[in-house]
Structures are given as C-alpha cells and as structure tokens.
Amino acid sequence: MRSILLVGSIGAGKTTFRQRLQGLPIEYAKTQAIETFASAIDTPGEYLEVGRYKHALMLASYDVDVVVLVQSATSDETRFPPGFATTFNREVLGVVTHAGVATETQVHNAVDHLTRAGAHQIVAVDSITGKGFKRVQEVLCRTSS
C-alpha cells in the first residue's frame, strides 16, 4: 500500500478511517499532534482549521505518496478551500466518511466539497462497517500514475 497523509477537520473521521484501513480495532482517540503509523500519517483537525498550521500539512506531504482529504458527510460545512489540493505536489484522494449514517444528499454535498477542493478521485466510506474500503484499497494499492 502506498503511504498516505490524512487531512481533515476535527471529527471528520481521519483516525477511525486509518484504523479501519490498517485492520486495527476501532478506538476513539483525539489526535493531538502529527502521528506516524506504518504507511499513514494522521494529523489533528486543527492543522486544517487553523491557518498558521497549514504549512505543517504541506511539509508532512513530502513524506507520502497520496494525500487523503477527509470530509464527513454529516458536516454541513467544509474547511477545504477551493483548489486546496494544489497545495500538495502529490496525488490527492477524497474520502467521504460517515456515509453509513448520512443521507444521500449529505453524501452528495460532501463529494461536492471534495471536488471543489480538487481531489482527483472520491470514495464514500463507512469506517465502522467497512463499506467502501475495497475501493479505497484498490486506489491505494495500485502503483503511482
């Protein structure tokens, strides 16, 4: 699997997504600082939400193959500005989390947020049930293009 950097707002589901992706037990843990695990770098939501920390996301992206923008379907707003993906000199994957508990409209809106942010591909997942992870693994296991 290619290495990834998880970027998203507080509560977007980055850590739970990583735990599911790596086959670990799902345990809630607030990410306080950038944490590195095997092939994943998990970042606190504050790094996206507070402008002075965004440079740390760019620096962390140099150590990965793919940047994963994580947007919760249950959030009405996004912290990803239009074109945010151009910040990174890497492939950018969009992941919509909480798809299992969201309405179809909410999932559609989250996809729109990630599209405007510039994600190349977008996958909706449910980290609790594992729905959508087969597609995520297909994207992350293929060789870089």
N, C-alpha and C. Protein backbone atom coordinates (compact mmCIF):
# COMPACT_ATOMS: atom_id res chain seq x y z
N MET A 1 0.85 -1.18 0.00
CA MET A 1 0.00 0.00 0.00
C MET A 1 0.89 1.24 0.00
N ARG A 2 0.46 2.23 -0.77
CA ARG A 2 1.20 3.50 -0.81
C ARG A 2 0.98 4.25 0.50
N SER A 3 1.93 5.08 0.86
CA SER A 3 1.83 5.84 2.10
C SER A 3 0.87 7.02 1.91
N ILE A 4 0.19 7.40 3.02
CA ILE A 4 -0.84 8.43 2.94
C ILE A 4 -0.69 9.46 4.06
N LEU A 5 -1.19 10.65 3.77
CA LEU A 5 -1.32 11.72 4.76
C LEU A 5 -2.81 12.02 4.88
N LEU A 6 -3.35 11.92 6.09
CA LEU A 6 -4.77 12.17 6.33
C LEU A 6 -4.96 13.62 6.76
N VAL A 7 -5.82 14.35 6.03
CA VAL A 7 -6.08 15.76 6.29
C VAL A 7 -7.59 15.96 6.36
N GLY A 8 -8.06 16.59 7.40
CA GLY A 8 -9.49 16.87 7.52
C GLY A 8 -9.78 17.63 8.81
N SER A 9 -11.00 18.07 8.95
CA SER A 9 -11.43 18.83 10.11
C SER A 9 -11.48 17.98 11.36
N ILE A 10 -11.62 18.64 12.49
CA ILE A 10 -11.82 17.96 13.76
C ILE A 10 -13.10 17.12 13.64
N GLY A 11 -13.03 15.86 14.00
CA GLY A 11 -14.20 14.99 13.98
C GLY A 11 -14.59 14.45 12.62
N ALA A 12 -13.75 14.66 11.61
CA ALA A 12 -14.08 14.19 10.25
C ALA A 12 -13.98 12.67 10.13
N GLY A 13 -13.26 12.02 11.04
CA GLY A 13 -13.13 10.57 10.98
C GLY A 13 -11.80 10.08 10.45
N LYS A 14 -10.78 10.91 10.51
CA LYS A 14 -9.46 10.53 9.99
C LYS A 14 -8.87 9.34 10.73
N THR A 15 -8.88 9.38 12.05
CA THR A 15 -8.27 8.31 12.84
C THR A 15 -9.04 7.02 12.70
N THR A 16 -10.35 7.08 12.73
CA THR A 16 -11.17 5.87 12.56
C THR A 16 -10.96 5.28 11.16
N PHE A 17 -10.87 6.14 10.15
CA PHE A 17 -10.57 5.70 8.79
C PHE A 17 -9.24 4.96 8.76
N ARG A 18 -8.22 5.54 9.38
CA ARG A 18 -6.89 4.91 9.41
C ARG A 18 -6.94 3.57 10.12
N GLN A 19 -7.64 3.50 11.25
CA GLN A 19 -7.73 2.26 11.99
C GLN A 19 -8.38 1.16 11.14
N ARG A 20 -9.46 1.49 10.44
CA ARG A 20 -10.13 0.51 9.57
C ARG A 20 -9.21 0.10 8.43
N LEU A 21 -8.57 1.05 7.81
CA LEU A 21 -7.68 0.79 6.68
C LEU A 21 -6.54 -0.14 7.08
N GLN A 22 -6.03 0.03 8.28
CA GLN A 22 -4.91 -0.78 8.75
C GLN A 22 -5.34 -2.04 9.49
N GLY A 23 -6.66 -2.30 9.53
CA GLY A 23 -7.16 -3.52 10.16
C GLY A 23 -7.02 -3.53 11.67
N LEU A 24 -7.04 -2.35 12.28
CA LEU A 24 -6.90 -2.23 13.73
C LEU A 24 -8.27 -2.11 14.38
N PRO A 25 -8.35 -2.38 15.68
CA PRO A 25 -9.62 -2.15 16.39
C PRO A 25 -9.99 -0.67 16.31
N ILE A 26 -11.28 -0.41 16.18
CA ILE A 26 -11.76 0.97 16.13
C ILE A 26 -11.87 1.49 17.56
N GLU A 27 -11.00 2.45 17.88
CA GLU A 27 -10.99 3.04 19.21
C GLU A 27 -10.88 4.55 19.04
N TYR A 28 -11.75 5.29 19.71
CA TYR A 28 -11.69 6.74 19.61
C TYR A 28 -10.47 7.26 20.34
N ALA A 29 -9.75 8.11 19.66
CA ALA A 29 -8.59 8.78 20.27
C ALA A 29 -8.40 10.11 19.56
N LYS A 30 -8.48 11.21 20.30
CA LYS A 30 -8.27 12.53 19.71
C LYS A 30 -6.81 12.69 19.35
N THR A 31 -6.54 12.96 18.08
CA THR A 31 -5.17 13.15 17.62
C THR A 31 -4.70 14.53 18.06
N GLN A 32 -3.64 14.55 18.86
CA GLN A 32 -3.14 15.81 19.43
C GLN A 32 -1.99 16.41 18.63
N ALA A 33 -1.28 15.57 17.90
CA ALA A 33 -0.12 16.03 17.12
C ALA A 33 -0.01 15.12 15.90
N ILE A 34 0.84 15.47 14.96
CA ILE A 34 1.04 14.59 13.81
C ILE A 34 1.58 13.26 14.31
N GLU A 35 0.91 12.18 13.91
CA GLU A 35 1.31 10.83 14.34
C GLU A 35 1.59 9.99 13.10
N THR A 36 2.68 9.23 13.15
CA THR A 36 3.06 8.38 12.03
C THR A 36 2.84 6.93 12.40
N PHE A 37 2.18 6.20 11.52
CA PHE A 37 1.90 4.77 11.69
C PHE A 37 2.25 4.08 10.39
N ALA A 38 3.04 3.03 10.43
CA ALA A 38 3.37 2.22 9.24
C ALA A 38 3.34 3.07 7.96
N SER A 39 2.23 3.02 7.24
CA SER A 39 2.15 3.72 5.95
C SER A 39 1.20 4.92 5.99
N ALA A 40 0.90 5.42 7.19
CA ALA A 40 -0.04 6.54 7.31
C ALA A 40 0.46 7.61 8.27
N ILE A 41 0.19 8.86 7.90
CA ILE A 41 0.43 9.98 8.80
C ILE A 41 -0.94 10.58 9.11
N ASP A 42 -1.28 10.60 10.40
CA ASP A 42 -2.57 11.11 10.87
C ASP A 42 -2.32 12.50 11.45
N THR A 43 -3.15 13.46 11.07
CA THR A 43 -2.96 14.82 11.53
C THR A 43 -4.16 15.32 12.33
N PRO A 44 -3.93 16.21 13.29
CA PRO A 44 -5.04 16.79 14.04
C PRO A 44 -5.88 17.70 13.13
N GLY A 45 -7.17 17.76 13.38
CA GLY A 45 -8.04 18.62 12.59
C GLY A 45 -7.65 20.09 12.68
N GLU A 46 -7.04 20.47 13.78
CA GLU A 46 -6.62 21.86 13.95
C GLU A 46 -5.62 22.29 12.88
N TYR A 47 -4.88 21.33 12.33
CA TYR A 47 -3.88 21.67 11.31
C TYR A 47 -4.55 22.17 10.03
N LEU A 48 -5.78 21.76 9.79
CA LEU A 48 -6.53 22.27 8.65
C LEU A 48 -7.30 23.53 9.04
N GLU A 49 -7.83 23.53 10.24
CA GLU A 49 -8.74 24.60 10.66
C GLU A 49 -8.04 25.89 11.08
N VAL A 50 -6.79 25.81 11.53
CA VAL A 50 -6.06 26.99 11.99
C VAL A 50 -4.99 27.32 10.95
N GLY A 51 -5.13 28.47 10.33
CA GLY A 51 -4.27 28.85 9.21
C GLY A 51 -2.78 28.72 9.45
N ARG A 52 -2.32 29.05 10.63
CA ARG A 52 -0.87 29.04 10.87
C ARG A 52 -0.29 27.63 10.92
N TYR A 53 -1.13 26.60 10.95
CA TYR A 53 -0.64 25.21 10.97
C TYR A 53 -0.64 24.56 9.59
N LYS A 54 -1.27 25.18 8.61
CA LYS A 54 -1.40 24.54 7.30
C LYS A 54 -0.06 24.23 6.65
N HIS A 55 0.97 25.03 6.95
CA HIS A 55 2.29 24.75 6.37
C HIS A 55 2.81 23.39 6.84
N ALA A 56 2.43 22.97 8.05
CA ALA A 56 2.86 21.67 8.56
C ALA A 56 2.27 20.53 7.72
N LEU A 57 1.07 20.72 7.21
CA LEU A 57 0.46 19.71 6.33
C LEU A 57 1.26 19.59 5.04
N MET A 58 1.63 20.72 4.48
CA MET A 58 2.41 20.71 3.25
C MET A 58 3.75 20.00 3.47
N LEU A 59 4.42 20.31 4.56
CA LEU A 59 5.70 19.67 4.86
C LEU A 59 5.54 18.16 5.07
N ALA A 60 4.50 17.75 5.78
CA ALA A 60 4.27 16.32 6.03
C ALA A 60 3.96 15.58 4.74
N SER A 61 3.39 16.27 3.76
CA SER A 61 3.02 15.61 2.49
C SER A 61 4.24 15.15 1.71
N TYR A 62 5.40 15.73 1.97
CA TYR A 62 6.61 15.34 1.25
C TYR A 62 7.03 13.90 1.56
N ASP A 63 6.53 13.35 2.67
CA ASP A 63 6.90 12.00 3.10
C ASP A 63 5.91 10.93 2.67
N VAL A 64 4.91 11.27 1.85
CA VAL A 64 3.89 10.29 1.47
C VAL A 64 3.69 10.25 -0.04
N ASP A 65 2.97 9.22 -0.48
CA ASP A 65 2.63 9.07 -1.89
C ASP A 65 1.30 9.74 -2.23
N VAL A 66 0.35 9.71 -1.29
CA VAL A 66 -1.01 10.20 -1.54
C VAL A 66 -1.48 11.03 -0.35
N VAL A 67 -2.08 12.17 -0.64
CA VAL A 67 -2.74 12.98 0.38
C VAL A 67 -4.22 12.62 0.33
N VAL A 68 -4.79 12.29 1.49
CA VAL A 68 -6.21 11.93 1.57
C VAL A 68 -6.95 13.05 2.29
N LEU A 69 -7.83 13.73 1.54
CA LEU A 69 -8.68 14.76 2.13
C LEU A 69 -9.93 14.07 2.66
N VAL A 70 -10.19 14.21 3.95
CA VAL A 70 -11.29 13.52 4.61
C VAL A 70 -12.38 14.53 4.95
N GLN A 71 -13.59 14.27 4.42
CA GLN A 71 -14.74 15.15 4.64
C GLN A 71 -15.89 14.31 5.19
N SER A 72 -16.40 14.70 6.34
CA SER A 72 -17.54 13.99 6.92
C SER A 72 -18.81 14.35 6.17
N ALA A 73 -19.58 13.33 5.82
CA ALA A 73 -20.86 13.57 5.15
C ALA A 73 -21.87 14.22 6.08
N THR A 74 -21.66 14.08 7.38
CA THR A 74 -22.62 14.64 8.33
C THR A 74 -22.32 16.09 8.71
N SER A 75 -21.27 16.65 8.13
CA SER A 75 -20.94 18.05 8.37
C SER A 75 -21.48 18.90 7.22
N ASP A 76 -22.19 19.95 7.55
CA ASP A 76 -22.76 20.81 6.51
C ASP A 76 -21.73 21.74 5.87
N GLU A 77 -20.61 21.92 6.54
CA GLU A 77 -19.61 22.85 6.02
C GLU A 77 -18.30 22.11 5.76
N THR A 78 -17.39 22.79 5.10
CA THR A 78 -16.08 22.24 4.84
C THR A 78 -15.02 23.27 5.19
N ARG A 79 -13.84 22.80 5.55
CA ARG A 79 -12.70 23.68 5.81
C ARG A 79 -11.73 23.66 4.64
N PHE A 80 -12.07 22.89 3.59
CA PHE A 80 -11.21 22.83 2.41
C PHE A 80 -11.58 23.96 1.46
N PRO A 81 -10.69 24.91 1.24
CA PRO A 81 -11.00 25.96 0.27
C PRO A 81 -10.93 25.42 -1.15
N PRO A 82 -11.57 26.08 -2.10
CA PRO A 82 -11.49 25.65 -3.50
C PRO A 82 -10.02 25.56 -3.93
N GLY A 83 -9.69 24.47 -4.61
CA GLY A 83 -8.34 24.28 -5.12
C GLY A 83 -7.31 23.88 -4.07
N PHE A 84 -7.75 23.52 -2.87
CA PHE A 84 -6.82 23.19 -1.79
C PHE A 84 -5.83 22.10 -2.18
N ALA A 85 -6.24 21.16 -3.01
CA ALA A 85 -5.37 20.05 -3.41
C ALA A 85 -4.11 20.52 -4.12
N THR A 86 -4.15 21.70 -4.73
CA THR A 86 -2.97 22.20 -5.43
C THR A 86 -1.85 22.59 -4.46
N THR A 87 -2.15 22.61 -3.17
CA THR A 87 -1.14 22.86 -2.14
C THR A 87 -0.09 21.75 -2.13
N PHE A 88 -0.50 20.56 -2.56
CA PHE A 88 0.34 19.38 -2.46
C PHE A 88 0.87 18.95 -3.82
N ASN A 89 2.10 18.54 -3.85
CA ASN A 89 2.72 18.01 -5.06
C ASN A 89 2.61 16.49 -5.03
N ARG A 90 1.40 16.01 -4.79
CA ARG A 90 1.11 14.59 -4.65
C ARG A 90 -0.28 14.31 -5.22
N GLU A 91 -0.54 13.04 -5.47
CA GLU A 91 -1.91 12.63 -5.80
C GLU A 91 -2.79 12.93 -4.59
N VAL A 92 -4.01 13.40 -4.86
CA VAL A 92 -4.94 13.72 -3.78
C VAL A 92 -6.22 12.92 -3.97
N LEU A 93 -6.52 12.10 -2.96
CA LEU A 93 -7.72 11.28 -2.92
C LEU A 93 -8.71 11.93 -1.97
N GLY A 94 -9.97 11.99 -2.33
CA GLY A 94 -11.01 12.48 -1.44
C GLY A 94 -11.75 11.32 -0.83
N VAL A 95 -11.99 11.38 0.47
CA VAL A 95 -12.74 10.33 1.16
C VAL A 95 -13.87 10.99 1.94
N VAL A 96 -15.09 10.54 1.66
CA VAL A 96 -16.27 10.98 2.40
C VAL A 96 -16.51 9.94 3.49
N THR A 97 -16.42 10.39 4.74
CA THR A 97 -16.66 9.50 5.87
C THR A 97 -18.09 9.64 6.39
N HIS A 98 -18.46 8.76 7.28
CA HIS A 98 -19.79 8.73 7.90
C HIS A 98 -20.90 8.52 6.87
N ALA A 99 -20.55 7.90 5.73
CA ALA A 99 -21.54 7.69 4.67
C ALA A 99 -22.66 6.74 5.10
N GLY A 100 -22.38 5.88 6.05
CA GLY A 100 -23.40 4.93 6.51
C GLY A 100 -24.50 5.54 7.35
N VAL A 101 -24.24 6.72 7.91
CA VAL A 101 -25.25 7.37 8.75
C VAL A 101 -25.76 8.67 8.14
N ALA A 102 -25.30 8.97 6.94
CA ALA A 102 -25.69 10.22 6.27
C ALA A 102 -26.77 9.95 5.23
N THR A 103 -27.48 11.01 4.87
CA THR A 103 -28.46 10.90 3.79
C THR A 103 -27.72 10.94 2.45
N GLU A 104 -28.41 10.57 1.40
CA GLU A 104 -27.84 10.63 0.06
C GLU A 104 -27.44 12.07 -0.30
N THR A 105 -28.26 13.02 0.11
CA THR A 105 -27.96 14.44 -0.15
C THR A 105 -26.70 14.87 0.59
N GLN A 106 -26.53 14.44 1.83
CA GLN A 106 -25.34 14.79 2.60
C GLN A 106 -24.07 14.22 1.94
N VAL A 107 -24.15 12.98 1.48
CA VAL A 107 -23.01 12.37 0.80
C VAL A 107 -22.70 13.15 -0.47
N HIS A 108 -23.72 13.50 -1.23
CA HIS A 108 -23.54 14.28 -2.45
C HIS A 108 -22.87 15.62 -2.16
N ASN A 109 -23.32 16.30 -1.09
CA ASN A 109 -22.73 17.59 -0.72
C ASN A 109 -21.26 17.44 -0.33
N ALA A 110 -20.94 16.37 0.39
CA ALA A 110 -19.54 16.12 0.78
C ALA A 110 -18.68 15.86 -0.45
N VAL A 111 -19.21 15.12 -1.41
CA VAL A 111 -18.50 14.88 -2.66
C VAL A 111 -18.25 16.21 -3.37
N ASP A 112 -19.24 17.08 -3.39
CA ASP A 112 -19.08 18.41 -3.99
C ASP A 112 -17.97 19.21 -3.31
N HIS A 113 -17.91 19.17 -1.97
CA HIS A 113 -16.86 19.88 -1.24
C HIS A 113 -15.48 19.39 -1.67
N LEU A 114 -15.33 18.06 -1.76
CA LEU A 114 -14.03 17.48 -2.13
C LEU A 114 -13.69 17.73 -3.59
N THR A 115 -14.70 17.76 -4.44
CA THR A 115 -14.47 18.07 -5.86
C THR A 115 -13.95 19.49 -6.00
N ARG A 116 -14.59 20.44 -5.32
CA ARG A 116 -14.14 21.83 -5.35
C ARG A 116 -12.74 21.99 -4.76
N ALA A 117 -12.42 21.15 -3.78
CA ALA A 117 -11.09 21.20 -3.17
C ALA A 117 -10.02 20.66 -4.12
N GLY A 118 -10.46 19.89 -5.14
CA GLY A 118 -9.51 19.40 -6.14
C GLY A 118 -9.09 17.96 -6.01
N ALA A 119 -9.83 17.16 -5.23
CA ALA A 119 -9.50 15.73 -5.10
C ALA A 119 -9.64 15.05 -6.46
N HIS A 120 -8.69 14.19 -6.81
CA HIS A 120 -8.70 13.52 -8.11
C HIS A 120 -9.75 12.43 -8.19
N GLN A 121 -9.87 11.64 -7.15
CA GLN A 121 -10.89 10.61 -7.06
C GLN A 121 -11.56 10.78 -5.70
N ILE A 122 -12.82 10.35 -5.61
CA ILE A 122 -13.53 10.48 -4.34
C ILE A 122 -14.26 9.17 -4.06
N VAL A 123 -14.10 8.69 -2.82
CA VAL A 123 -14.73 7.45 -2.40
C VAL A 123 -15.50 7.72 -1.11
N ALA A 124 -16.73 7.23 -1.03
CA ALA A 124 -17.53 7.34 0.20
C ALA A 124 -17.36 6.05 1.00
N VAL A 125 -17.12 6.20 2.30
CA VAL A 125 -16.88 5.03 3.15
C VAL A 125 -17.67 5.13 4.45
N ASP A 126 -17.80 3.97 5.08
CA ASP A 126 -18.29 3.88 6.45
C ASP A 126 -17.21 3.11 7.20
N SER A 127 -16.46 3.80 8.03
CA SER A 127 -15.33 3.18 8.73
C SER A 127 -15.77 2.15 9.76
N ILE A 128 -16.99 2.24 10.24
CA ILE A 128 -17.47 1.27 11.23
C ILE A 128 -17.81 -0.06 10.55
N THR A 129 -18.54 -0.01 9.44
CA THR A 129 -18.94 -1.25 8.77
C THR A 129 -17.92 -1.72 7.74
N GLY A 130 -17.09 -0.82 7.28
CA GLY A 130 -16.10 -1.17 6.25
C GLY A 130 -16.58 -0.93 4.83
N LYS A 131 -17.80 -0.44 4.68
CA LYS A 131 -18.33 -0.17 3.34
C LYS A 131 -17.45 0.86 2.62
N GLY A 132 -17.07 0.55 1.38
CA GLY A 132 -16.28 1.45 0.56
C GLY A 132 -14.78 1.22 0.66
N PHE A 133 -14.34 0.42 1.61
CA PHE A 133 -12.89 0.24 1.80
C PHE A 133 -12.24 -0.62 0.73
N LYS A 134 -13.01 -1.47 0.08
CA LYS A 134 -12.42 -2.25 -1.02
C LYS A 134 -11.93 -1.29 -2.11
N ARG A 135 -12.74 -0.28 -2.42
CA ARG A 135 -12.36 0.70 -3.44
C ARG A 135 -11.16 1.54 -2.98
N VAL A 136 -11.15 1.94 -1.72
CA VAL A 136 -10.02 2.71 -1.18
C VAL A 136 -8.75 1.89 -1.31
N GLN A 137 -8.81 0.63 -0.95
CA GLN A 137 -7.62 -0.22 -1.04
C GLN A 137 -7.16 -0.40 -2.48
N GLU A 138 -8.11 -0.50 -3.41
CA GLU A 138 -7.74 -0.60 -4.83
C GLU A 138 -6.96 0.64 -5.26
N VAL A 139 -7.44 1.80 -4.85
CA VAL A 139 -6.78 3.06 -5.23
C VAL A 139 -5.40 3.16 -4.57
N LEU A 140 -5.31 2.80 -3.29
CA LEU A 140 -4.07 2.98 -2.57
C LEU A 140 -3.05 1.87 -2.84
N CYS A 141 -3.48 0.74 -3.36
CA CYS A 141 -2.55 -0.36 -3.61
C CYS A 141 -2.00 -0.35 -5.04
N ARG A 142 -2.62 0.41 -5.92
CA ARG A 142 -2.10 0.44 -7.30
C ARG A 142 -0.82 1.26 -7.32
N THR A 143 -0.05 1.06 -8.34
CA THR A 143 1.20 1.83 -8.46
C THR A 143 0.89 3.25 -8.82
N SER A 144 1.78 4.14 -8.47
CA SER A 144 1.58 5.58 -8.77
C SER A 144 1.47 5.80 -10.27
N SER A 145 0.65 6.76 -10.64
CA SER A 145 0.48 7.06 -12.07
C SER A 145 1.33 8.21 -12.49
